[in-house]
Amino acid sequence: MKKLHHYSISNRWEGNSGNGTSGPRNYERSHRITIDGKPELELTTDNPLVGDKRKLNPEDLLVTALSSCHLMSYLYLCSLEGVVVLGYEDKAEGIMLETEAGGGSFQKVKLKPVIELADATMIDRAKELHHKAHEICYIANSINFPVEVEAIYFVGDLLATKI
């Protein structure tokens, strides 16, 4: 039986500087996302001419969602397979191509996790589980661009391998 998941958010624009959207430079792009029982998010546009670089933007959140979903899927699979992960830190990067018409699309996201394993004998299986983690990640299954994984593994103070 398939389960449906429902997500509800409230998005409130806070950028009316007095004249609404009377012109492209006459309003701020600030908006606030609220979700019952969770921390609020303050967002803006990625456009440096009218956005606030101190705030998150939707593009940040898309890369964040992919990194977070992969992390959770990967750790879950490792726990099932006996691969003991002691640490995981990802420095994910997204590449978006803006069109001349003003739109754009992501071309790819690269996940670059550095993973600490409990034992060097787990490295091969740890590598294999990234593919399966991608297959079960809800966010990765919802996008139309490639996600690459370039992981580095280490055990204790020893660098184990890089893929």
Protein backbone atom coordinates (compact mmCIF):
# COMPACT_ATOMS: atom_id res chain seq x y z
CA MET A 1 0.00 0.00 0.00
CA LYS A 2 1.37 3.39 -1.00
CA LYS A 3 1.55 6.09 1.66
CA LEU A 4 0.86 9.69 0.80
CA HIS A 5 2.86 12.30 2.69
CA HIS A 6 1.39 15.78 3.03
CA TYR A 7 3.36 18.93 3.76
CA SER A 8 1.83 22.28 4.67
CA ILE A 9 3.69 25.55 4.90
CA SER A 10 2.77 29.20 5.14
CA ASN A 11 4.70 31.65 2.96
CA ARG A 12 4.29 35.35 3.83
CA TRP A 13 5.86 38.10 1.72
CA GLU A 14 7.39 40.82 3.91
CA GLY A 15 8.88 43.05 1.25
CA ASN A 16 6.30 45.77 0.72
CA SER A 17 8.29 48.98 1.17
CA GLY A 18 5.19 51.12 0.90
CA ASN A 19 4.30 51.00 -2.77
CA GLY A 20 3.93 47.26 -3.28
CA THR A 21 5.17 45.97 -6.60
CA SER A 22 4.85 49.31 -8.38
CA GLY A 23 8.24 48.66 -9.98
CA PRO A 24 10.95 45.96 -9.97
CA ARG A 25 13.19 47.95 -7.62
CA ASN A 26 10.38 49.18 -5.35
CA TYR A 27 9.96 46.09 -3.20
CA GLU A 28 12.06 43.67 -1.21
CA ARG A 29 12.09 39.96 -1.95
CA SER A 30 12.03 39.00 1.75
CA HIS A 31 9.52 36.38 2.78
CA ARG A 32 8.99 34.13 5.77
CA ILE A 33 8.18 30.44 5.74
CA THR A 34 6.39 29.03 8.76
CA ILE A 35 5.54 25.43 9.46
CA ASP A 36 3.55 24.58 12.56
CA GLY A 37 5.84 23.60 15.42
CA LYS A 38 9.09 24.21 13.48
CA PRO A 39 11.60 27.07 13.23
CA GLU A 40 10.74 29.89 10.84
CA LEU A 41 12.80 30.46 7.73
CA GLU A 42 13.60 33.90 6.35
CA LEU A 43 14.17 33.81 2.62
CA THR A 44 14.94 36.11 -0.25
CA THR A 45 15.99 35.84 -3.88
CA ASP A 46 19.42 34.70 -5.03
CA ASN A 47 19.61 37.79 -7.26
CA PRO A 48 22.41 39.89 -5.69
CA LEU A 49 20.90 43.15 -7.00
CA VAL A 50 17.70 42.81 -4.99
CA GLY A 51 18.30 39.94 -2.55
CA ASP A 52 19.81 39.84 0.91
CA LYS A 53 22.89 37.57 0.97
CA ARG A 54 22.40 37.06 4.72
CA LYS A 55 19.19 35.15 4.09
CA LEU A 56 18.50 31.77 2.58
CA ASN A 57 17.09 31.49 -0.92
CA PRO A 58 15.15 28.71 -2.67
CA GLU A 59 18.28 27.52 -4.48
CA ASP A 60 20.10 27.10 -1.15
CA LEU A 61 17.18 25.07 0.11
CA LEU A 62 17.11 22.78 -2.93
CA VAL A 63 20.79 21.86 -2.50
CA THR A 64 20.19 21.52 1.25
CA ALA A 65 17.23 19.21 0.68
CA LEU A 66 19.27 16.93 -1.59
CA SER A 67 22.20 16.79 0.81
CA SER A 68 19.96 16.16 3.82
CA CYS A 69 17.85 13.50 2.12
CA HIS A 70 20.95 11.67 0.85
CA LEU A 71 22.50 11.79 4.33
CA MET A 72 19.42 10.32 5.99
CA SER A 73 18.96 7.64 3.30
CA TYR A 74 22.65 6.73 3.43
CA LEU A 75 22.82 6.49 7.24
CA TYR A 76 19.68 4.36 7.28
CA LEU A 77 21.11 1.92 4.74
CA CYS A 78 24.43 1.79 6.56
CA SER A 79 22.64 0.94 9.79
CA LEU A 80 20.82 -1.92 8.07
CA GLU A 81 24.00 -3.24 6.41
CA GLY A 82 26.30 -3.14 9.43
CA VAL A 83 28.39 -0.25 8.10
CA VAL A 84 29.17 1.83 11.17
CA VAL A 85 29.42 5.52 10.33
CA LEU A 86 30.96 7.64 13.08
CA GLY A 87 30.92 10.97 11.28
CA TYR A 88 29.52 12.52 8.11
CA GLU A 89 30.00 16.03 6.78
CA ASP A 90 28.91 17.11 3.31
CA LYS A 91 30.08 20.17 1.39
CA ALA A 92 27.46 20.02 -1.35
CA GLU A 93 27.52 22.29 -4.40
CA GLY A 94 24.80 23.08 -6.89
CA ILE A 95 25.17 24.52 -10.38
CA MET A 96 22.29 26.46 -11.87
CA LEU A 97 22.22 27.91 -15.36
CA GLU A 98 20.27 31.14 -15.72
CA THR A 99 18.67 31.80 -19.09
CA GLU A 100 18.65 35.15 -20.85
CA ALA A 101 14.88 35.27 -20.40
CA GLY A 102 15.36 35.35 -16.62
CA GLY A 103 14.50 31.77 -15.74
CA GLY A 104 16.93 28.98 -15.20
CA SER A 105 17.44 25.42 -14.09
CA PHE A 106 19.82 23.38 -12.04
CA GLN A 107 22.35 21.50 -14.15
CA LYS A 108 23.63 19.28 -11.35
CA VAL A 109 24.35 18.99 -7.66
CA LYS A 110 27.52 17.42 -6.35
CA LEU A 111 27.50 15.91 -2.88
CA LYS A 112 30.96 15.73 -1.34
CA PRO A 113 30.62 13.87 1.94
CA VAL A 114 33.59 13.11 4.16
CA ILE A 115 32.67 9.97 6.05
CA GLU A 116 34.34 8.50 9.11
CA LEU A 117 33.91 4.74 9.35
CA ALA A 118 34.52 2.53 12.38
CA ASP A 119 36.52 -0.02 10.41
CA ALA A 120 38.42 -0.09 7.11
CA THR A 121 36.77 -3.39 6.17
CA MET A 122 33.51 -1.47 5.70
CA ILE A 123 34.79 0.85 2.95
CA ASP A 124 33.69 -1.16 -0.08
CA ARG A 125 30.15 -1.61 1.21
CA ALA A 126 30.04 2.04 2.32
CA LYS A 127 30.82 3.08 -1.27
CA GLU A 128 28.14 0.83 -2.74
CA LEU A 129 25.41 2.19 -0.50
CA HIS A 130 25.55 5.69 -2.02
CA HIS A 131 23.86 4.45 -5.20
CA LYS A 132 21.05 2.81 -3.25
CA ALA A 133 20.71 5.88 -1.02
CA HIS A 134 20.19 7.97 -4.14
CA GLU A 135 17.52 5.53 -5.36
CA ILE A 136 15.49 5.79 -2.14
CA CYS A 137 15.94 9.53 -1.53
CA TYR A 138 12.56 11.22 -1.99
CA ILE A 139 14.12 14.49 -3.10
CA ALA A 140 16.49 12.88 -5.61
CA ASN A 141 13.51 11.03 -7.08
CA SER A 142 11.72 14.36 -7.58
CA ILE A 143 14.30 16.26 -9.62
CA ASN A 144 15.29 16.23 -13.29
CA PHE A 145 19.03 16.86 -13.07
CA PRO A 146 21.97 14.66 -12.04
CA VAL A 147 23.27 14.34 -8.51
CA GLU A 148 26.88 13.24 -8.24
CA VAL A 149 28.52 11.83 -5.12
CA GLU A 150 32.22 12.34 -4.54
CA ALA A 151 32.84 10.80 -1.13
CA ILE A 152 35.98 10.60 0.96
CA TYR A 153 36.27 7.91 3.63
CA PHE A 154 38.55 7.70 6.60
CA VAL A 155 39.07 5.50 9.65
CA GLY A 156 40.53 7.22 12.69
CA ASP A 157 43.24 9.55 11.45
CA LEU A 158 43.86 7.57 8.26
CA LEU A 159 42.41 8.62 4.94
CA ALA A 160 40.91 5.45 3.52
CA THR A 161 39.82 6.23 -0.03
CA LYS A 162 38.06 8.67 -2.31
CA ILE A 163 35.44 7.99 -4.97
